[in-house]
Amino acid sequence: MTAALEPGGGRIAHARHLTAEFLDRVRDEHGVPVSPRASQTAVLVVSELVTNAHKYAPGPVLLDLRVTGDAVDVAVWDSDPVLPVARDADPGRVGQHGLEIVRAVADAFDARREGAGKRVVARVRLVEDADGGGNGGAP
């Protein structure tokens, strides 16, 4: 599923809604197991990535969601070619923890320049491991 997100602060809520709907369809219509935790994690990742795009990129934002095996790949393209860099942990810093959060909860993370901008991709496993693990490690 690919969606162009309209400019403005409403794009973040819209992206979260699209993600939840997509994962519900994957589970209900296609029979792919999607745990509640995985759905919540994917929505969080989308929220953080689209928020960053909204804050730092002046132009359009595209959201792409794809199920690959036992995971969903969340890709956000924006018009700013500058690749994101996670800042060092600082518990005293207010805000600007989005990339840290994404890297902590995603099973894989990649950012690359693409066209006139960049694509940031985070992979979230759809079901936790038997030991309760699953989402929560950067490659």
Protein backbone atom coordinates (compact mmCIF):
# COMPACT_ATOMS: atom_id res chain seq x y z
CA MET A 1 0.00 0.00 0.00
CA THR A 2 1.39 3.37 -0.99
CA ALA A 3 -0.15 6.71 -0.04
CA ALA A 4 0.79 10.31 -0.68
CA LEU A 5 0.26 12.21 2.56
CA GLU A 6 -1.24 15.66 2.30
CA PRO A 7 0.73 18.59 3.76
CA GLY A 8 -0.05 19.71 7.28
CA GLY A 9 -0.08 18.26 10.76
CA GLY A 10 -3.05 16.01 9.91
CA ARG A 11 -0.77 13.85 7.76
CA ILE A 12 0.69 12.23 10.89
CA ALA A 13 -2.67 11.08 12.24
CA HIS A 14 -3.72 10.03 8.74
CA ALA A 15 -0.56 7.91 8.36
CA ARG A 16 -1.23 6.20 11.72
CA HIS A 17 -4.80 5.47 10.65
CA LEU A 18 -3.71 4.07 7.27
CA THR A 19 -1.18 1.81 9.00
CA ALA A 20 -3.69 0.40 11.48
CA GLU A 21 -6.22 -0.19 8.67
CA PHE A 22 -3.58 -1.86 6.47
CA LEU A 23 -2.52 -4.27 9.22
CA ASP A 24 -6.17 -5.06 10.05
CA ARG A 25 -6.76 -5.94 6.38
CA VAL A 26 -3.60 -8.04 6.25
CA ARG A 27 -4.84 -10.00 9.27
CA ASP A 28 -8.59 -10.17 8.49
CA GLU A 29 -8.63 -10.53 4.70
CA HIS A 30 -5.37 -12.34 4.05
CA GLY A 31 -5.05 -14.44 7.21
CA VAL A 32 -1.57 -13.17 8.08
CA PRO A 33 -0.95 -13.23 11.83
CA VAL A 34 -0.50 -9.70 13.22
CA SER A 35 -0.16 -9.36 16.98
CA PRO A 36 -1.61 -6.32 18.76
CA ARG A 37 1.91 -5.43 19.89
CA ALA A 38 3.23 -5.52 16.32
CA SER A 39 0.37 -3.33 15.13
CA GLN A 40 1.05 -0.80 17.90
CA THR A 41 4.77 -0.85 17.13
CA ALA A 42 4.20 -0.30 13.41
CA VAL A 43 1.87 2.63 14.14
CA LEU A 44 4.49 4.12 16.48
CA VAL A 45 7.21 3.75 13.82
CA VAL A 46 4.99 5.39 11.19
CA SER A 47 4.16 8.22 13.57
CA GLU A 48 7.82 8.94 14.30
CA LEU A 49 9.00 8.70 10.69
CA VAL A 50 6.18 10.83 9.29
CA THR A 51 6.65 13.37 12.10
CA ASN A 52 10.32 13.70 11.14
CA ALA A 53 9.42 14.09 7.47
CA HIS A 54 6.78 16.68 8.37
CA LYS A 55 9.26 18.66 10.49
CA TYR A 56 12.33 18.54 8.28
CA ALA A 57 11.23 18.06 4.65
CA PRO A 58 9.57 20.93 2.79
CA GLY A 59 7.67 18.91 0.20
CA PRO A 60 5.58 15.80 -0.31
CA VAL A 61 5.71 12.68 1.86
CA LEU A 62 4.97 9.16 0.67
CA LEU A 63 4.12 6.24 2.96
CA ASP A 64 4.67 2.71 1.70
CA LEU A 65 3.66 -0.38 3.71
CA ARG A 66 4.57 -3.88 2.51
CA VAL A 67 4.36 -7.25 4.15
CA THR A 68 7.56 -9.19 3.54
CA GLY A 69 7.54 -12.67 5.05
CA ASP A 70 6.79 -12.31 8.76
CA ALA A 71 7.30 -8.53 8.89
CA VAL A 72 5.93 -5.26 7.64
CA ASP A 73 8.32 -2.82 5.99
CA VAL A 74 7.42 0.77 6.78
CA ALA A 75 8.95 3.15 4.24
CA VAL A 76 8.65 6.92 4.30
CA TRP A 77 9.96 8.99 1.40
CA ASP A 78 10.39 12.75 1.71
CA SER A 79 11.94 15.52 -0.34
CA ASP A 80 14.91 16.26 1.94
CA PRO A 81 18.03 14.39 0.74
CA VAL A 82 19.79 14.77 4.12
CA LEU A 83 19.91 11.37 5.81
CA PRO A 84 18.73 11.23 9.42
CA VAL A 85 21.30 10.70 12.14
CA ALA A 86 20.43 9.35 15.58
CA ARG A 87 21.67 11.64 18.29
CA ASP A 88 23.50 10.37 21.35
CA ALA A 89 21.18 9.43 24.20
CA ASP A 90 20.47 12.38 26.45
CA PRO A 91 17.78 11.92 29.10
CA GLY A 92 17.76 15.69 29.66
CA ARG A 93 16.89 16.48 26.04
CA VAL A 94 13.25 17.26 25.44
CA GLY A 95 12.04 15.90 22.11
CA GLN A 96 14.10 14.81 19.12
CA HIS A 97 14.11 11.15 20.21
CA GLY A 98 12.09 9.83 17.24
CA LEU A 99 14.92 8.11 15.41
CA GLU A 100 16.20 6.60 18.67
CA ILE A 101 12.74 5.19 19.30
CA VAL A 102 12.41 3.76 15.79
CA ARG A 103 15.83 2.11 15.92
CA ALA A 104 15.03 0.65 19.36
CA VAL A 105 11.71 -0.97 18.36
CA ALA A 106 12.37 -1.92 14.73
CA ASP A 107 13.95 -5.21 13.72
CA ALA A 108 15.84 -3.47 10.90
CA PHE A 109 16.42 0.11 9.81
CA ASP A 110 17.81 1.70 6.66
CA ALA A 111 17.98 5.21 5.25
CA ARG A 112 19.21 6.08 1.77
CA ARG A 113 19.04 8.91 -0.71
CA GLU A 114 16.52 8.27 -3.43
CA GLY A 115 15.62 10.58 -6.27
CA ALA A 116 15.32 14.15 -5.05
CA GLY A 117 14.96 13.06 -1.44
CA LYS A 118 15.43 10.07 0.82
CA ARG A 119 13.67 6.86 1.83
CA VAL A 120 13.72 5.66 5.43
CA VAL A 121 12.68 2.04 5.98
CA ALA A 122 12.01 0.25 9.26
CA ARG A 123 11.02 -3.41 9.50
CA VAL A 124 8.63 -4.57 12.23
CA ARG A 125 8.02 -8.27 12.86
CA LEU A 126 4.29 -9.10 12.77
CA VAL A 127 4.34 -11.63 15.62
CA GLU A 128 6.63 -11.79 18.65
CA ASP A 129 8.95 -14.72 19.19
CA ALA A 130 7.82 -17.51 21.54
CA ASP A 131 9.90 -15.93 24.31
CA GLY A 132 8.00 -12.64 23.96
CA GLY A 133 10.74 -10.94 21.98
CA GLY A 134 10.37 -9.65 18.48
CA ASN A 135 10.30 -5.96 17.97
CA GLY A 136 13.19 -4.29 19.60
CA GLY A 137 16.56 -4.39 18.01
CA ALA A 138 18.40 -2.45 15.40
CA PRO A 139 20.45 -4.50 12.95
